[in-house]
Amino acid sequence: MTKLLPSLHLSLALLTISLPAAATIPSAAAAAQQMTRESHVMAPMPAVAVLAAAPATSEQVWQLRSSLNVAALMCGDRAMISGYNWLLRAHAPLLARTWSAEQQRFQKLHGSQWQTAQDRQLTSLYNRLANTNDRGRFCADAHTIISEARMVPTDLFAHFAASAINRLLQQNTLHLAAR
């Protein structure tokens, strides 16, 4: 890995994670330390990803996908569009399971009106984010999250999604509430 990416510096700022997830982190940390030693630069390394202790619910994963879809459409940044498309491909099986779980959840909660209820909830989320007072902040936050997502293996993506959607919505909901 260091021969392919000699100047890349990696670090993971981790909240408490489950034991199986922790087993995958040392190799990334070891690679980051090796790259730092080889580059002879000991500057502080920025956090790449924050993983929550518990995986995201299907609702949270789908909210993250939806929020990043808004950003890809709204922000006009080719890197973000490329990153969003990569995320869709890289995590396609998880997203398919999530979509199915969300449909089942809405069917259970709303019976025959499930589709209307789900459409209403997703439209509300899209509109809140598209109408944020601070589009620049939303786009910057979404860009950061998409960049971080590239560093997260599929088996940890649900842990990442739990943290990412909370950060994205908390930071940008404050601007929405001030309207």
C-alpha atoms as a PDB file:
ATOM      1  CA  MET A   1       0.000   0.000   0.000  1.00  0.00           C
ATOM      2  CA  THR A   2       2.791   2.437   0.793  1.00  0.00           C
ATOM      3  CA  LYS A   3       4.392   1.912  -2.607  1.00  0.00           C
ATOM      4  CA  LEU A   4       1.106   2.823  -4.315  1.00  0.00           C
ATOM      5  CA  LEU A   5       0.269   5.790  -2.114  1.00  0.00           C
ATOM      6  CA  PRO A   6       3.510   7.100  -0.569  1.00  0.00           C
ATOM      7  CA  SER A   7       2.206  10.548   0.349  1.00  0.00           C
ATOM      8  CA  LEU A   8      -1.213   9.553   1.650  1.00  0.00           C
ATOM      9  CA  HIS A   9      -1.680  10.051   5.369  1.00  0.00           C
ATOM     10  CA  LEU A  10      -4.467   8.151   7.062  1.00  0.00           C
ATOM     11  CA  SER A  11      -5.891   8.215  10.530  1.00  0.00           C
ATOM     12  CA  LEU A  12      -9.162   7.102  12.013  1.00  0.00           C
ATOM     13  CA  ALA A  13     -10.749   9.079  14.804  1.00  0.00           C
ATOM     14  CA  LEU A  14     -12.796   6.363  16.441  1.00  0.00           C
ATOM     15  CA  LEU A  15     -15.524   6.470  18.978  1.00  0.00           C
ATOM     16  CA  THR A  16     -16.060   3.210  20.834  1.00  0.00           C
ATOM     17  CA  ILE A  17     -16.681   0.491  18.281  1.00  0.00           C
ATOM     18  CA  SER A  18     -17.640  -3.126  18.578  1.00  0.00           C
ATOM     19  CA  LEU A  19     -14.937  -5.766  19.033  1.00  0.00           C
ATOM     20  CA  PRO A  20     -15.276  -7.283  15.537  1.00  0.00           C
ATOM     21  CA  ALA A  21     -14.936  -3.840  13.989  1.00  0.00           C
ATOM     22  CA  ALA A  22     -11.905  -2.997  16.116  1.00  0.00           C
ATOM     23  CA  ALA A  23     -10.088  -6.009  14.710  1.00  0.00           C
ATOM     24  CA  THR A  24      -9.993  -4.395  11.272  1.00  0.00           C
ATOM     25  CA  ILE A  25      -8.659  -1.029  12.411  1.00  0.00           C
ATOM     26  CA  PRO A  26      -5.042  -1.863  13.401  1.00  0.00           C
ATOM     27  CA  SER A  27      -4.025  -2.655   9.832  1.00  0.00           C
ATOM     28  CA  ALA A  28      -5.192   0.781   8.687  1.00  0.00           C
ATOM     29  CA  ALA A  29      -3.464   2.436  11.651  1.00  0.00           C
ATOM     30  CA  ALA A  30      -0.269   0.456  11.008  1.00  0.00           C
ATOM     31  CA  ALA A  31      -0.324   1.474   7.350  1.00  0.00           C
ATOM     32  CA  ALA A  32      -0.779   5.134   8.335  1.00  0.00           C
ATOM     33  CA  GLN A  33       2.131   4.950  10.783  1.00  0.00           C
ATOM     34  CA  GLN A  34       4.360   3.295   8.175  1.00  0.00           C
ATOM     35  CA  MET A  35       3.497   5.927   5.580  1.00  0.00           C
ATOM     36  CA  THR A  36       4.180   8.693   8.100  1.00  0.00           C
ATOM     37  CA  ARG A  37       7.609   7.221   8.932  1.00  0.00           C
ATOM     38  CA  GLU A  38       8.499   6.830   5.257  1.00  0.00           C
ATOM     39  CA  SER A  39       7.451  10.355   4.353  1.00  0.00           C
ATOM     40  CA  HIS A  40       9.559  11.848   7.182  1.00  0.00           C
ATOM     41  CA  VAL A  41       6.697  14.184   7.998  1.00  0.00           C
ATOM     42  CA  MET A  42       5.288  13.993  11.482  1.00  0.00           C
ATOM     43  CA  ALA A  43       2.580  16.648  11.074  1.00  0.00           C
ATOM     44  CA  PRO A  44      -0.771  16.048  12.733  1.00  0.00           C
ATOM     45  CA  MET A  45      -2.999  13.891  10.585  1.00  0.00           C
ATOM     46  CA  PRO A  46      -6.655  14.850  10.086  1.00  0.00           C
ATOM     47  CA  ALA A  47      -9.418  12.458  11.053  1.00  0.00           C
ATOM     48  CA  VAL A  48     -10.673  10.453   8.119  1.00  0.00           C
ATOM     49  CA  ALA A  49     -13.719   8.705   9.530  1.00  0.00           C
ATOM     50  CA  VAL A  50     -15.713   8.582  12.730  1.00  0.00           C
ATOM     51  CA  LEU A  51     -17.403   5.295  13.506  1.00  0.00           C
ATOM     52  CA  ALA A  52     -20.338   5.093  15.897  1.00  0.00           C
ATOM     53  CA  ALA A  53     -20.529   2.373  18.548  1.00  0.00           C
ATOM     54  CA  ALA A  54     -23.710   0.942  17.063  1.00  0.00           C
ATOM     55  CA  PRO A  55     -24.493   0.526  13.382  1.00  0.00           C
ATOM     56  CA  ALA A  56     -26.998   2.843  11.795  1.00  0.00           C
ATOM     57  CA  THR A  57     -30.621   1.880  11.475  1.00  0.00           C
ATOM     58  CA  SER A  58     -31.956   1.356   7.977  1.00  0.00           C
ATOM     59  CA  GLU A  59     -33.600   4.773   8.313  1.00  0.00           C
ATOM     60  CA  GLN A  60     -30.261   6.451   9.111  1.00  0.00           C
ATOM     61  CA  VAL A  61     -28.425   4.735   6.253  1.00  0.00           C
ATOM     62  CA  TRP A  62     -31.161   5.773   3.827  1.00  0.00           C
ATOM     63  CA  GLN A  63     -31.186   9.328   5.191  1.00  0.00           C
ATOM     64  CA  LEU A  64     -27.442   9.533   4.597  1.00  0.00           C
ATOM     65  CA  ARG A  65     -27.831   8.267   1.034  1.00  0.00           C
ATOM     66  CA  SER A  66     -30.670  10.727   0.453  1.00  0.00           C
ATOM     67  CA  SER A  67     -28.756  13.646   1.965  1.00  0.00           C
ATOM     68  CA  LEU A  68     -25.692  12.945  -0.139  1.00  0.00           C
ATOM     69  CA  ASN A  69     -27.940  12.664  -3.199  1.00  0.00           C
ATOM     70  CA  VAL A  70     -29.221  16.193  -2.476  1.00  0.00           C
ATOM     71  CA  ALA A  71     -25.639  17.402  -2.125  1.00  0.00           C
ATOM     72  CA  ALA A  72     -24.526  15.744  -5.362  1.00  0.00           C
ATOM     73  CA  LEU A  73     -27.392  17.402  -7.223  1.00  0.00           C
ATOM     74  CA  MET A  74     -27.244  20.784  -5.509  1.00  0.00           C
ATOM     75  CA  CYS A  75     -23.593  21.584  -4.912  1.00  0.00           C
ATOM     76  CA  GLY A  76     -22.306  21.435  -8.489  1.00  0.00           C
ATOM     77  CA  ASP A  77     -19.054  19.740  -7.498  1.00  0.00           C
ATOM     78  CA  ARG A  78     -17.792  17.060  -9.888  1.00  0.00           C
ATOM     79  CA  ALA A  79     -15.696  15.427  -7.157  1.00  0.00           C
ATOM     80  CA  MET A  80     -18.799  15.136  -4.981  1.00  0.00           C
ATOM     81  CA  ILE A  81     -20.840  13.650  -7.816  1.00  0.00           C
ATOM     82  CA  SER A  82     -18.058  11.176  -8.532  1.00  0.00           C
ATOM     83  CA  GLY A  83     -17.772  10.321  -4.828  1.00  0.00           C
ATOM     84  CA  TYR A  84     -21.522   9.875  -4.488  1.00  0.00           C
ATOM     85  CA  ASN A  85     -21.625   7.585  -7.522  1.00  0.00           C
ATOM     86  CA  TRP A  86     -18.696   5.601  -6.094  1.00  0.00           C
ATOM     87  CA  LEU A  87     -20.546   5.264  -2.776  1.00  0.00           C
ATOM     88  CA  LEU A  88     -23.625   3.899  -4.575  1.00  0.00           C
ATOM     89  CA  ARG A  89     -21.528   1.282  -6.378  1.00  0.00           C
ATOM     90  CA  ALA A  90     -19.258   0.367  -3.457  1.00  0.00           C
ATOM     91  CA  HIS A  91     -22.105  -0.137  -1.015  1.00  0.00           C
ATOM     92  CA  ALA A  92     -24.812  -1.325  -3.432  1.00  0.00           C
ATOM     93  CA  PRO A  93     -25.675  -4.536  -1.529  1.00  0.00           C
ATOM     94  CA  LEU A  94     -26.007  -2.657   1.788  1.00  0.00           C
ATOM     95  CA  LEU A  95     -28.098   0.066   0.158  1.00  0.00           C
ATOM     96  CA  ALA A  96     -30.374  -2.515  -1.484  1.00  0.00           C
ATOM     97  CA  ARG A  97     -30.942  -4.237   1.870  1.00  0.00           C
ATOM     98  CA  THR A  98     -31.521  -0.864   3.486  1.00  0.00           C
ATOM     99  CA  TRP A  99     -34.112   0.162   0.901  1.00  0.00           C
ATOM    100  CA  SER A 100     -35.936  -3.128   1.352  1.00  0.00           C
ATOM    101  CA  ALA A 101     -35.879  -2.748   5.146  1.00  0.00           C
ATOM    102  CA  GLU A 102     -37.201   0.799   4.866  1.00  0.00           C
ATOM    103  CA  GLN A 103     -40.073  -0.306   2.632  1.00  0.00           C
ATOM    104  CA  GLN A 104     -40.944  -3.073   5.104  1.00  0.00           C
ATOM    105  CA  ARG A 105     -40.767  -0.631   8.011  1.00  0.00           C
ATOM    106  CA  PHE A 106     -43.158   1.780   6.315  1.00  0.00           C
ATOM    107  CA  GLN A 107     -45.510  -1.047   5.347  1.00  0.00           C
ATOM    108  CA  LYS A 108     -45.621  -2.183   8.976  1.00  0.00           C
ATOM    109  CA  LEU A 109     -46.169   1.350  10.304  1.00  0.00           C
ATOM    110  CA  HIS A 110     -48.592   2.665   7.669  1.00  0.00           C
ATOM    111  CA  GLY A 111     -50.273  -0.342   6.077  1.00  0.00           C
ATOM    112  CA  SER A 112     -51.723   0.348   2.651  1.00  0.00           C
ATOM    113  CA  GLN A 113     -50.649   4.022   2.874  1.00  0.00           C
ATOM    114  CA  TRP A 114     -46.966   3.133   3.337  1.00  0.00           C
ATOM    115  CA  GLN A 115     -45.795   4.502  -0.017  1.00  0.00           C
ATOM    116  CA  THR A 116     -47.426   7.893   0.568  1.00  0.00           C
ATOM    117  CA  ALA A 117     -45.942   8.111   4.076  1.00  0.00           C
ATOM    118  CA  GLN A 118     -42.476   7.162   2.856  1.00  0.00           C
ATOM    119  CA  ASP A 119     -42.628   9.610  -0.044  1.00  0.00           C
ATOM    120  CA  ARG A 120     -43.746  12.363   2.331  1.00  0.00           C
ATOM    121  CA  GLN A 121     -40.870  11.704   4.753  1.00  0.00           C
ATOM    122  CA  LEU A 122     -38.210  11.578   2.036  1.00  0.00           C
ATOM    123  CA  THR A 123     -39.578  14.680   0.307  1.00  0.00           C
ATOM    124  CA  SER A 124     -39.478  16.520   3.629  1.00  0.00           C
ATOM    125  CA  LEU A 125     -35.816  15.571   4.121  1.00  0.00           C
ATOM    126  CA  TYR A 126     -34.901  16.561   0.548  1.00  0.00           C
ATOM    127  CA  ASN A 127     -36.667  19.910   0.915  1.00  0.00           C
ATOM    128  CA  ARG A 128     -35.116  20.708   4.313  1.00  0.00           C
ATOM    129  CA  LEU A 129     -31.622  20.125   2.990  1.00  0.00           C
ATOM    130  CA  ALA A 130     -32.169  21.792  -0.387  1.00  0.00           C
ATOM    131  CA  ASN A 131     -33.498  24.901   1.360  1.00  0.00           C
ATOM    132  CA  THR A 132     -30.781  25.266   3.974  1.00  0.00           C
ATOM    133  CA  ASN A 133     -29.739  28.849   4.707  1.00  0.00           C
ATOM    134  CA  ASP A 134     -26.067  27.895   4.511  1.00  0.00           C
ATOM    135  CA  ARG A 135     -25.657  25.946   1.301  1.00  0.00           C
ATOM    136  CA  GLY A 136     -21.885  26.363   1.449  1.00  0.00           C
ATOM    137  CA  ARG A 137     -21.673  24.681   4.835  1.00  0.00           C
ATOM    138  CA  PHE A 138     -23.991  21.859   3.771  1.00  0.00           C
ATOM    139  CA  CYS A 139     -21.931  21.253   0.626  1.00  0.00           C
ATOM    140  CA  ALA A 140     -18.657  21.347   2.589  1.00  0.00           C
ATOM    141  CA  ASP A 141     -20.019  18.946   5.220  1.00  0.00           C
ATOM    142  CA  ALA A 142     -21.336  16.574   2.534  1.00  0.00           C
ATOM    143  CA  HIS A 143     -18.011  16.728   0.676  1.00  0.00           C
ATOM    144  CA  THR A 144     -16.158  15.808   3.879  1.00  0.00           C
ATOM    145  CA  ILE A 145     -18.501  12.902   4.541  1.00  0.00           C
ATOM    146  CA  ILE A 146     -18.178  11.573   0.997  1.00  0.00           C
ATOM    147  CA  SER A 147     -14.385  11.832   1.271  1.00  0.00           C
ATOM    148  CA  GLU A 148     -14.426   9.996   4.595  1.00  0.00           C
ATOM    149  CA  ALA A 149     -16.737   7.310   3.205  1.00  0.00           C
ATOM    150  CA  ARG A 150     -14.069   6.302   0.695  1.00  0.00           C
ATOM    151  CA  MET A 151     -11.877   5.185   3.610  1.00  0.00           C
ATOM    152  CA  VAL A 152     -14.516   2.983   5.261  1.00  0.00           C
ATOM    153  CA  PRO A 153     -14.706  -0.709   4.409  1.00  0.00           C
ATOM    154  CA  THR A 154     -18.145  -2.069   3.577  1.00  0.00           C
ATOM    155  CA  ASP A 155     -18.382  -4.094   6.788  1.00  0.00           C
ATOM    156  CA  LEU A 156     -18.034  -0.879   8.837  1.00  0.00           C
ATOM    157  CA  PHE A 157     -20.138   1.387   6.634  1.00  0.00           C
ATOM    158  CA  ALA A 158     -23.255   1.136   8.834  1.00  0.00           C
ATOM    159  CA  HIS A 159     -21.159   2.335  11.817  1.00  0.00           C
ATOM    160  CA  PHE A 160     -19.868   5.204   9.706  1.00  0.00           C
ATOM    161  CA  ALA A 161     -23.369   6.048   8.457  1.00  0.00           C
ATOM    162  CA  ALA A 162     -24.682   6.407  12.027  1.00  0.00           C
ATOM    163  CA  SER A 163     -22.056   9.004  12.805  1.00  0.00           C
ATOM    164  CA  ALA A 164     -22.133  10.728   9.403  1.00  0.00           C
ATOM    165  CA  ILE A 165     -25.887  11.311   9.234  1.00  0.00           C
ATOM    166  CA  ASN A 166     -25.944  12.672  12.761  1.00  0.00           C
ATOM    167  CA  ARG A 167     -23.132  15.104  11.956  1.00  0.00           C
ATOM    168  CA  LEU A 168     -24.673  16.174   8.668  1.00  0.00           C
ATOM    169  CA  LEU A 169     -28.187  16.711   9.997  1.00  0.00           C
ATOM    170  CA  GLN A 170     -27.170  18.259  13.344  1.00  0.00           C
ATOM    171  CA  GLN A 171     -24.853  20.789  11.765  1.00  0.00           C
ATOM    172  CA  ASN A 172     -27.260  21.743   9.024  1.00  0.00           C
ATOM    173  CA  THR A 173     -30.507  21.526  11.015  1.00  0.00           C
ATOM    174  CA  LEU A 174     -29.256  24.411  13.162  1.00  0.00           C
ATOM    175  CA  HIS A 175     -29.250  26.582  10.038  1.00  0.00           C
ATOM    176  CA  LEU A 176     -32.681  25.339   9.015  1.00  0.00           C
ATOM    177  CA  ALA A 177     -34.195  26.099  12.435  1.00  0.00           C
ATOM    178  CA  ALA A 178     -32.996  29.711  12.311  1.00  0.00           C
ATOM    179  CA  ARG A 179     -35.199  30.495   9.303  1.00  0.00           C
END
